[in-house]
Amino acid sequence: MTPGSLATPSRNRKSSPASLAGTDLTIRSEKSRTRHLLRTGFLAACLLAIGDYAFAQGGHGHSHAAPNGGQIQQIGPVEGELLVKGSDVTLFLVDEQERKIDASSYAATATVLARGNQQKTVELKPAGDNKLAAKIDFPVDGKFRASLTLKKGPAEVGKARYNLDTK
């Protein structure tokens, strides 16, 4: 064997993919995979945090004031303004262009947090124009907190959470 013949096979062996599988290429691919997993995990955590923040805000934000002095939430394709005055609970329904919706075919069920952390159910019925209304016969502590489900006939339209001061 000549010195030139020994160099050729070793050069070929070093450059063959099979010989590289257990060296730098494997280390680089493991580091690359680790970086990719870290980036993906970080991105997923950020998206979850943003999603939780958006959910805590209760639907999409509203740049307009509630015309009746209540609190507005998105309930599926409908906007619902909930107003509580004394024992009267009223839900005003409008579409996304803020036009009144005839409430005669709608109903709503609200689960309300009453005094002493008791949950009470309130059924809101059509009350003319774009209103659903009910009376409550129980006290609440400070704020009126309710999870509301809106239905049109037997079909559920959507759900919303309200947290508002009583008047």
N, C-alpha and C. Protein backbone atom coordinates (compact mmCIF):
# COMPACT_ATOMS: atom_id res chain seq x y z
N MET A 1 0.84 -1.17 0.00
CA MET A 1 0.00 0.00 0.00
C MET A 1 0.88 1.23 0.00
N THR A 2 0.45 2.17 -0.79
CA THR A 2 1.19 3.41 -0.87
C THR A 2 0.53 4.43 0.04
N PRO A 3 1.26 5.44 0.42
CA PRO A 3 0.66 6.44 1.29
C PRO A 3 -0.55 7.10 0.65
N GLY A 4 -0.57 7.29 -0.66
CA GLY A 4 -1.73 7.89 -1.32
C GLY A 4 -2.96 7.02 -1.27
N SER A 5 -2.77 5.69 -1.31
CA SER A 5 -3.93 4.80 -1.28
C SER A 5 -4.57 4.76 0.10
N LEU A 6 -3.79 4.99 1.14
CA LEU A 6 -4.36 5.00 2.48
C LEU A 6 -5.17 6.27 2.73
N ALA A 7 -4.75 7.37 2.14
CA ALA A 7 -5.45 8.63 2.36
C ALA A 7 -6.80 8.65 1.69
N THR A 8 -6.92 8.03 0.54
CA THR A 8 -8.18 8.07 -0.20
C THR A 8 -9.30 7.36 0.55
N PRO A 9 -9.10 6.11 1.01
CA PRO A 9 -10.21 5.47 1.72
C PRO A 9 -10.59 6.20 3.00
N SER A 10 -9.62 6.73 3.75
CA SER A 10 -9.99 7.42 4.98
C SER A 10 -10.73 8.71 4.68
N ARG A 11 -10.36 9.42 3.61
CA ARG A 11 -11.07 10.63 3.22
C ARG A 11 -12.50 10.28 2.82
N ASN A 12 -12.64 9.21 2.05
CA ASN A 12 -13.98 8.77 1.64
C ASN A 12 -14.80 8.34 2.84
N ARG A 13 -14.16 7.66 3.78
CA ARG A 13 -14.89 7.19 4.93
C ARG A 13 -15.38 8.37 5.77
N LYS A 14 -14.57 9.40 5.94
CA LYS A 14 -14.96 10.56 6.73
C LYS A 14 -16.10 11.33 6.08
N SER A 15 -16.14 11.36 4.77
CA SER A 15 -17.17 12.14 4.10
C SER A 15 -18.43 11.35 3.81
N SER A 16 -18.42 10.05 4.10
CA SER A 16 -19.63 9.28 3.82
C SER A 16 -20.69 9.58 4.88
N PRO A 17 -21.95 9.62 4.50
CA PRO A 17 -23.03 9.91 5.47
C PRO A 17 -23.09 8.91 6.60
N ALA A 18 -22.77 7.65 6.32
CA ALA A 18 -22.82 6.64 7.37
C ALA A 18 -21.82 6.92 8.46
N SER A 19 -20.64 7.41 8.09
CA SER A 19 -19.63 7.68 9.10
C SER A 19 -19.95 8.95 9.89
N LEU A 20 -20.70 9.88 9.31
CA LEU A 20 -21.05 11.12 10.00
C LEU A 20 -22.23 10.96 10.95
N ALA A 21 -22.97 9.88 10.85
CA ALA A 21 -24.19 9.71 11.62
C ALA A 21 -23.95 9.75 13.12
N GLY A 22 -22.82 9.32 13.57
CA GLY A 22 -22.59 9.29 15.00
C GLY A 22 -21.73 10.42 15.51
N THR A 23 -21.43 11.44 14.71
CA THR A 23 -20.52 12.49 15.15
C THR A 23 -21.21 13.84 15.20
N ASP A 24 -20.55 14.85 14.60
CA ASP A 24 -21.02 16.23 14.66
C ASP A 24 -22.44 16.40 14.15
N LEU A 25 -22.81 15.68 13.10
CA LEU A 25 -24.15 15.83 12.52
C LEU A 25 -25.22 15.47 13.54
N THR A 26 -25.01 14.39 14.28
CA THR A 26 -25.98 13.98 15.30
C THR A 26 -26.07 15.02 16.40
N ILE A 27 -24.93 15.52 16.83
CA ILE A 27 -24.93 16.54 17.89
C ILE A 27 -25.64 17.79 17.41
N ARG A 28 -25.34 18.22 16.17
CA ARG A 28 -26.00 19.41 15.65
C ARG A 28 -27.50 19.20 15.51
N SER A 29 -27.92 18.04 15.04
CA SER A 29 -29.35 17.82 14.85
C SER A 29 -30.07 17.73 16.20
N GLU A 30 -29.41 17.18 17.22
CA GLU A 30 -30.02 17.15 18.55
C GLU A 30 -30.16 18.56 19.11
N LYS A 31 -29.14 19.39 18.94
CA LYS A 31 -29.21 20.78 19.39
C LYS A 31 -30.30 21.52 18.62
N SER A 32 -30.37 21.27 17.34
CA SER A 32 -31.39 21.92 16.51
C SER A 32 -32.79 21.50 16.95
N ARG A 33 -32.96 20.21 17.22
CA ARG A 33 -34.25 19.71 17.68
C ARG A 33 -34.62 20.32 19.03
N THR A 34 -33.63 20.41 19.92
CA THR A 34 -33.87 21.00 21.23
C THR A 34 -34.29 22.46 21.10
N ARG A 35 -33.56 23.22 20.27
CA ARG A 35 -33.92 24.62 20.05
C ARG A 35 -35.33 24.74 19.47
N HIS A 36 -35.65 23.87 18.52
CA HIS A 36 -36.98 23.90 17.89
C HIS A 36 -38.07 23.62 18.94
N LEU A 37 -37.83 22.61 19.79
CA LEU A 37 -38.82 22.29 20.82
C LEU A 37 -38.98 23.44 21.82
N LEU A 38 -37.87 24.07 22.19
CA LEU A 38 -37.95 25.21 23.10
C LEU A 38 -38.72 26.36 22.48
N ARG A 39 -38.43 26.66 21.22
CA ARG A 39 -39.16 27.74 20.54
C ARG A 39 -40.64 27.41 20.44
N THR A 40 -40.95 26.18 20.06
CA THR A 40 -42.35 25.77 19.92
C THR A 40 -43.07 25.83 21.27
N GLY A 41 -42.41 25.36 22.32
CA GLY A 41 -43.00 25.41 23.65
C GLY A 41 -43.24 26.83 24.12
N PHE A 42 -42.28 27.71 23.87
CA PHE A 42 -42.42 29.11 24.25
C PHE A 42 -43.58 29.75 23.50
N LEU A 43 -43.67 29.49 22.20
CA LEU A 43 -44.76 30.03 21.39
C LEU A 43 -46.11 29.52 21.89
N ALA A 44 -46.19 28.23 22.21
CA ALA A 44 -47.44 27.67 22.71
C ALA A 44 -47.83 28.31 24.05
N ALA A 45 -46.85 28.52 24.93
CA ALA A 45 -47.14 29.15 26.22
C ALA A 45 -47.64 30.58 26.02
N CYS A 46 -47.03 31.31 25.09
CA CYS A 46 -47.48 32.68 24.81
C CYS A 46 -48.90 32.69 24.28
N LEU A 47 -49.21 31.78 23.37
CA LEU A 47 -50.57 31.73 22.81
C LEU A 47 -51.59 31.38 23.87
N LEU A 48 -51.25 30.46 24.77
CA LEU A 48 -52.17 30.12 25.85
C LEU A 48 -52.39 31.31 26.77
N ALA A 49 -51.33 32.03 27.08
CA ALA A 49 -51.46 33.20 27.95
C ALA A 49 -52.33 34.27 27.30
N ILE A 50 -52.15 34.49 26.02
CA ILE A 50 -52.96 35.47 25.30
C ILE A 50 -54.41 35.02 25.26
N GLY A 51 -54.63 33.72 25.03
CA GLY A 51 -55.99 33.19 25.01
C GLY A 51 -56.69 33.34 26.34
N ASP A 52 -55.97 33.07 27.44
CA ASP A 52 -56.55 33.25 28.77
C ASP A 52 -56.90 34.71 29.02
N TYR A 53 -56.04 35.62 28.60
CA TYR A 53 -56.30 37.05 28.77
C TYR A 53 -57.54 37.46 27.99
N ALA A 54 -57.65 36.99 26.75
CA ALA A 54 -58.81 37.35 25.92
C ALA A 54 -60.09 36.80 26.53
N PHE A 55 -60.03 35.55 27.08
CA PHE A 55 -61.22 34.97 27.69
C PHE A 55 -61.60 35.76 28.94
N ALA A 56 -60.62 36.19 29.69
CA ALA A 56 -60.91 36.96 30.90
C ALA A 56 -61.56 38.29 30.58
N GLN A 57 -61.34 38.80 29.39
CA GLN A 57 -61.94 40.07 29.00
C GLN A 57 -63.40 39.90 28.61
N GLY A 58 -63.87 38.65 28.45
CA GLY A 58 -65.28 38.41 28.17
C GLY A 58 -65.67 38.71 26.75
N GLY A 59 -65.14 37.99 25.82
CA GLY A 59 -65.49 38.22 24.42
C GLY A 59 -64.63 39.31 23.84
N HIS A 60 -65.09 39.94 22.79
CA HIS A 60 -64.27 41.00 22.21
C HIS A 60 -64.60 42.32 22.88
N GLY A 61 -63.66 43.22 22.85
CA GLY A 61 -63.83 44.52 23.49
C GLY A 61 -64.86 45.36 22.76
N HIS A 62 -65.46 46.29 23.46
CA HIS A 62 -66.44 47.18 22.85
C HIS A 62 -65.96 48.61 23.01
N SER A 63 -65.91 49.31 21.89
CA SER A 63 -65.46 50.69 21.94
C SER A 63 -66.61 51.63 22.25
N HIS A 64 -67.84 51.13 22.25
CA HIS A 64 -68.99 51.97 22.51
C HIS A 64 -69.49 51.75 23.93
N ALA A 65 -70.11 52.78 24.47
CA ALA A 65 -70.66 52.69 25.82
C ALA A 65 -71.99 51.96 25.77
N ALA A 66 -72.33 51.33 26.87
CA ALA A 66 -73.61 50.65 26.98
C ALA A 66 -74.72 51.70 27.02
N PRO A 67 -75.64 51.70 26.05
CA PRO A 67 -76.64 52.77 25.98
C PRO A 67 -77.61 52.81 27.17
N ASN A 68 -77.79 51.69 27.85
CA ASN A 68 -78.73 51.65 28.98
C ASN A 68 -78.02 51.66 30.33
N GLY A 69 -76.70 51.75 30.32
CA GLY A 69 -75.94 51.82 31.56
C GLY A 69 -75.53 50.48 32.13
N GLY A 70 -75.71 49.41 31.38
CA GLY A 70 -75.33 48.08 31.85
C GLY A 70 -73.94 47.69 31.37
N GLN A 71 -73.75 46.39 31.18
CA GLN A 71 -72.49 45.86 30.67
C GLN A 71 -72.78 45.06 29.41
N ILE A 72 -71.98 45.28 28.36
CA ILE A 72 -72.19 44.61 27.08
C ILE A 72 -71.21 43.46 26.93
N GLN A 73 -71.73 42.32 26.47
CA GLN A 73 -70.91 41.15 26.15
C GLN A 73 -71.38 40.57 24.82
N GLN A 74 -70.46 39.93 24.13
CA GLN A 74 -70.80 39.22 22.90
C GLN A 74 -71.38 37.87 23.28
N ILE A 75 -72.54 37.53 22.71
CA ILE A 75 -73.18 36.24 22.96
C ILE A 75 -73.40 35.61 21.59
N GLY A 76 -72.44 34.86 21.11
CA GLY A 76 -72.52 34.34 19.75
C GLY A 76 -72.54 35.51 18.78
N PRO A 77 -73.49 35.55 17.84
CA PRO A 77 -73.56 36.66 16.89
C PRO A 77 -74.30 37.88 17.44
N VAL A 78 -74.76 37.81 18.67
CA VAL A 78 -75.59 38.85 19.28
C VAL A 78 -74.78 39.57 20.35
N GLU A 79 -75.04 40.86 20.53
CA GLU A 79 -74.49 41.59 21.67
C GLU A 79 -75.60 41.73 22.69
N GLY A 80 -75.27 41.43 23.94
CA GLY A 80 -76.25 41.52 25.01
C GLY A 80 -75.78 42.49 26.08
N GLU A 81 -76.62 43.48 26.38
CA GLU A 81 -76.33 44.42 27.46
C GLU A 81 -77.17 44.03 28.66
N LEU A 82 -76.50 43.65 29.74
CA LEU A 82 -77.20 43.26 30.96
C LEU A 82 -77.22 44.45 31.91
N LEU A 83 -78.43 44.74 32.43
CA LEU A 83 -78.63 45.85 33.35
C LEU A 83 -79.36 45.31 34.58
N VAL A 84 -78.86 45.66 35.76
CA VAL A 84 -79.50 45.25 37.02
C VAL A 84 -79.81 46.51 37.80
N LYS A 85 -81.11 46.73 38.10
CA LYS A 85 -81.56 47.85 38.93
C LYS A 85 -82.47 47.28 40.00
N GLY A 86 -81.97 47.30 41.23
CA GLY A 86 -82.76 46.73 42.32
C GLY A 86 -82.96 45.24 42.08
N SER A 87 -84.24 44.83 42.02
CA SER A 87 -84.53 43.42 41.77
C SER A 87 -84.81 43.14 40.30
N ASP A 88 -84.73 44.16 39.44
CA ASP A 88 -85.00 44.00 38.00
C ASP A 88 -83.72 43.68 37.23
N VAL A 89 -83.77 42.61 36.45
CA VAL A 89 -82.66 42.20 35.59
C VAL A 89 -83.17 42.29 34.16
N THR A 90 -82.47 43.04 33.31
CA THR A 90 -82.89 43.22 31.92
C THR A 90 -81.71 42.96 30.99
N LEU A 91 -81.97 42.21 29.93
CA LEU A 91 -80.98 41.94 28.89
C LEU A 91 -81.48 42.57 27.60
N PHE A 92 -80.71 43.51 27.05
CA PHE A 92 -81.04 44.17 25.79
C PHE A 92 -80.24 43.50 24.68
N LEU A 93 -80.90 43.13 23.59
CA LEU A 93 -80.24 42.43 22.48
C LEU A 93 -80.10 43.33 21.27
N VAL A 94 -78.88 43.38 20.71
CA VAL A 94 -78.63 44.11 19.46
C VAL A 94 -77.73 43.24 18.58
N ASP A 95 -77.75 43.53 17.26
CA ASP A 95 -76.86 42.81 16.36
C ASP A 95 -75.50 43.51 16.33
N GLU A 96 -74.61 43.04 15.48
CA GLU A 96 -73.25 43.61 15.45
C GLU A 96 -73.21 45.03 14.89
N GLN A 97 -74.28 45.46 14.22
CA GLN A 97 -74.37 46.86 13.77
C GLN A 97 -75.13 47.71 14.78
N GLU A 98 -75.38 47.13 15.96
CA GLU A 98 -76.07 47.78 17.08
C GLU A 98 -77.52 48.12 16.78
N ARG A 99 -78.15 47.33 15.89
CA ARG A 99 -79.58 47.47 15.64
C ARG A 99 -80.33 46.54 16.59
N LYS A 100 -81.45 47.02 17.12
CA LYS A 100 -82.24 46.22 18.05
C LYS A 100 -82.70 44.93 17.38
N ILE A 101 -82.68 43.85 18.17
CA ILE A 101 -83.16 42.54 17.72
C ILE A 101 -84.47 42.27 18.45
N ASP A 102 -85.48 41.84 17.71
CA ASP A 102 -86.76 41.46 18.32
C ASP A 102 -86.51 40.28 19.27
N ALA A 103 -86.76 40.47 20.55
CA ALA A 103 -86.45 39.47 21.56
C ALA A 103 -87.57 38.46 21.78
N SER A 104 -88.66 38.54 21.01
CA SER A 104 -89.82 37.67 21.28
C SER A 104 -89.52 36.18 21.10
N SER A 105 -88.53 35.81 20.31
CA SER A 105 -88.22 34.39 20.11
C SER A 105 -86.99 33.94 20.93
N TYR A 106 -86.52 34.80 21.82
CA TYR A 106 -85.34 34.49 22.63
C TYR A 106 -85.72 34.23 24.09
N ALA A 107 -84.85 33.54 24.79
CA ALA A 107 -84.95 33.34 26.24
C ALA A 107 -83.52 33.21 26.75
N ALA A 108 -83.33 33.48 28.02
CA ALA A 108 -81.99 33.37 28.60
C ALA A 108 -82.09 32.77 29.99
N THR A 109 -81.06 32.03 30.35
CA THR A 109 -80.93 31.49 31.69
C THR A 109 -79.63 32.02 32.27
N ALA A 110 -79.71 32.61 33.44
CA ALA A 110 -78.51 33.15 34.10
C ALA A 110 -78.29 32.41 35.41
N THR A 111 -77.07 31.98 35.62
CA THR A 111 -76.67 31.42 36.91
C THR A 111 -75.95 32.55 37.64
N VAL A 112 -76.55 32.99 38.74
CA VAL A 112 -76.09 34.18 39.45
C VAL A 112 -75.47 33.77 40.79
N LEU A 113 -74.37 34.43 41.14
CA LEU A 113 -73.74 34.20 42.43
C LEU A 113 -74.42 35.11 43.46
N ALA A 114 -75.19 34.50 44.36
CA ALA A 114 -75.93 35.24 45.38
C ALA A 114 -75.09 35.37 46.65
N ARG A 115 -75.65 36.08 47.62
CA ARG A 115 -74.96 36.26 48.90
C ARG A 115 -74.64 34.90 49.51
N GLY A 116 -73.45 34.79 50.10
CA GLY A 116 -73.03 33.53 50.71
C GLY A 116 -72.54 32.51 49.69
N ASN A 117 -72.16 32.96 48.51
CA ASN A 117 -71.68 32.10 47.42
C ASN A 117 -72.68 31.04 46.98
N GLN A 118 -73.96 31.34 47.13
CA GLN A 118 -74.99 30.43 46.63
C GLN A 118 -75.24 30.73 45.16
N GLN A 119 -75.48 29.69 44.38
CA GLN A 119 -75.82 29.88 42.97
C GLN A 119 -77.33 29.83 42.80
N LYS A 120 -77.85 30.85 42.15
CA LYS A 120 -79.29 30.93 41.89
C LYS A 120 -79.50 31.00 40.38
N THR A 121 -80.57 30.39 39.91
CA THR A 121 -80.90 30.41 38.49
C THR A 121 -82.02 31.40 38.24
N VAL A 122 -81.82 32.23 37.22
CA VAL A 122 -82.80 33.25 36.85
C VAL A 122 -83.18 33.02 35.39
N GLU A 123 -84.48 32.95 35.10
CA GLU A 123 -84.99 32.77 33.74
C GLU A 123 -85.44 34.12 33.21
N LEU A 124 -84.80 34.60 32.14
CA LEU A 124 -85.18 35.87 31.52
C LEU A 124 -86.10 35.57 30.34
N LYS A 125 -87.24 36.24 30.32
CA LYS A 125 -88.28 36.03 29.29
C LYS A 125 -88.45 37.29 28.46
N PRO A 126 -89.01 37.17 27.25
CA PRO A 126 -89.26 38.36 26.41
C PRO A 126 -90.11 39.39 27.16
N ALA A 127 -89.70 40.66 27.03
CA ALA A 127 -90.39 41.76 27.71
C ALA A 127 -90.65 42.91 26.75
N GLY A 128 -90.89 42.59 25.48
CA GLY A 128 -91.17 43.63 24.50
C GLY A 128 -89.90 44.19 23.88
N ASP A 129 -90.03 44.67 22.65
CA ASP A 129 -88.93 45.28 21.90
C ASP A 129 -87.72 44.34 21.86
N ASN A 130 -86.57 44.80 22.31
CA ASN A 130 -85.35 43.98 22.26
C ASN A 130 -84.92 43.52 23.66
N LYS A 131 -85.91 43.36 24.57
CA LYS A 131 -85.59 43.08 25.97
C LYS A 131 -86.03 41.70 26.42
N LEU A 132 -85.19 41.12 27.28
CA LEU A 132 -85.55 39.96 28.09
C LEU A 132 -85.45 40.44 29.53
N ALA A 133 -86.38 40.00 30.38
CA ALA A 133 -86.39 40.52 31.75
C ALA A 133 -86.75 39.45 32.76
N ALA A 134 -86.34 39.70 34.00
CA ALA A 134 -86.67 38.85 35.13
C ALA A 134 -86.54 39.66 36.40
N LYS A 135 -87.10 39.14 37.49
CA LYS A 135 -86.93 39.74 38.81
C LYS A 135 -86.17 38.74 39.66
N ILE A 136 -85.28 39.29 40.50
CA ILE A 136 -84.58 38.42 41.44
C ILE A 136 -85.14 38.65 42.84
N ASP A 137 -85.18 37.59 43.62
CA ASP A 137 -85.72 37.69 44.98
C ASP A 137 -84.67 37.27 46.01
N PHE A 138 -83.41 37.55 45.69
CA PHE A 138 -82.32 37.19 46.58
C PHE A 138 -81.26 38.30 46.53
N PRO A 139 -80.53 38.47 47.62
CA PRO A 139 -79.48 39.50 47.64
C PRO A 139 -78.18 38.99 47.01
N VAL A 140 -77.41 39.93 46.50
CA VAL A 140 -76.06 39.62 46.00
C VAL A 140 -75.06 40.45 46.80
N ASP A 141 -73.84 39.97 46.88
CA ASP A 141 -72.79 40.69 47.61
C ASP A 141 -72.02 41.59 46.65
N GLY A 142 -72.25 42.91 46.75
CA GLY A 142 -71.47 43.87 45.96
C GLY A 142 -71.77 43.88 44.49
N LYS A 143 -71.23 42.91 43.77
CA LYS A 143 -71.39 42.87 42.32
C LYS A 143 -72.37 41.78 41.91
N PHE A 144 -73.01 42.00 40.77
CA PHE A 144 -73.90 41.01 40.18
C PHE A 144 -73.05 40.19 39.22
N ARG A 145 -72.79 38.93 39.59
CA ARG A 145 -71.96 38.04 38.77
C ARG A 145 -72.86 36.95 38.20
N ALA A 146 -72.83 36.83 36.87
CA ALA A 146 -73.72 35.86 36.23
C ALA A 146 -73.07 35.23 35.01
N SER A 147 -73.36 33.95 34.83
CA SER A 147 -73.05 33.25 33.58
C SER A 147 -74.38 33.08 32.88
N LEU A 148 -74.47 33.59 31.66
CA LEU A 148 -75.75 33.64 30.96
C LEU A 148 -75.71 32.80 29.69
N THR A 149 -76.76 32.04 29.45
CA THR A 149 -76.92 31.27 28.22
C THR A 149 -78.12 31.82 27.48
N LEU A 150 -77.90 32.24 26.23
CA LEU A 150 -78.97 32.79 25.40
C LEU A 150 -79.44 31.73 24.42
N LYS A 151 -80.76 31.59 24.30
CA LYS A 151 -81.35 30.62 23.37
C LYS A 151 -82.34 31.32 22.46
N LYS A 152 -82.42 30.83 21.24
CA LYS A 152 -83.46 31.25 20.31
C LYS A 152 -84.24 29.99 19.99
N GLY A 153 -85.48 29.94 20.51
CA GLY A 153 -86.22 28.69 20.44
C GLY A 153 -85.46 27.64 21.24
N PRO A 154 -85.32 26.42 20.69
CA PRO A 154 -84.58 25.39 21.42
C PRO A 154 -83.06 25.47 21.22
N ALA A 155 -82.60 26.28 20.27
CA ALA A 155 -81.17 26.32 19.92
C ALA A 155 -80.41 27.33 20.77
N GLU A 156 -79.26 26.90 21.25
CA GLU A 156 -78.39 27.81 22.01
C GLU A 156 -77.68 28.76 21.05
N VAL A 157 -77.76 30.06 21.37
CA VAL A 157 -77.10 31.10 20.57
C VAL A 157 -75.67 31.30 21.05
N GLY A 158 -75.48 31.31 22.37
CA GLY A 158 -74.15 31.52 22.94
C GLY A 158 -74.21 31.74 24.43
N LYS A 159 -73.03 31.96 25.00
CA LYS A 159 -72.89 32.17 26.44
C LYS A 159 -72.04 33.40 26.70
N ALA A 160 -72.25 34.01 27.86
CA ALA A 160 -71.45 35.18 28.26
C ALA A 160 -71.38 35.23 29.78
N ARG A 161 -70.36 35.93 30.26
CA ARG A 161 -70.21 36.17 31.69
C ARG A 161 -70.32 37.66 31.95
N TYR A 162 -71.03 37.99 33.00
CA TYR A 162 -71.22 39.39 33.39
C TYR A 162 -70.74 39.58 34.82
N ASN A 163 -70.21 40.75 35.08
CA ASN A 163 -69.73 41.11 36.40
C ASN A 163 -69.95 42.62 36.53
N LEU A 164 -71.08 43.02 37.10
CA LEU A 164 -71.40 44.45 37.12
C LEU A 164 -71.93 44.90 38.46
N ASP A 165 -71.79 46.19 38.69
CA ASP A 165 -72.30 46.80 39.91
C ASP A 165 -73.82 46.86 39.84
N THR A 166 -74.47 46.65 40.97
CA THR A 166 -75.93 46.77 41.02
C THR A 166 -76.28 48.23 41.26
N LYS A 167 -77.45 48.63 40.75
CA LYS A 167 -77.88 50.03 40.89
C LYS A 167 -79.17 50.10 41.67
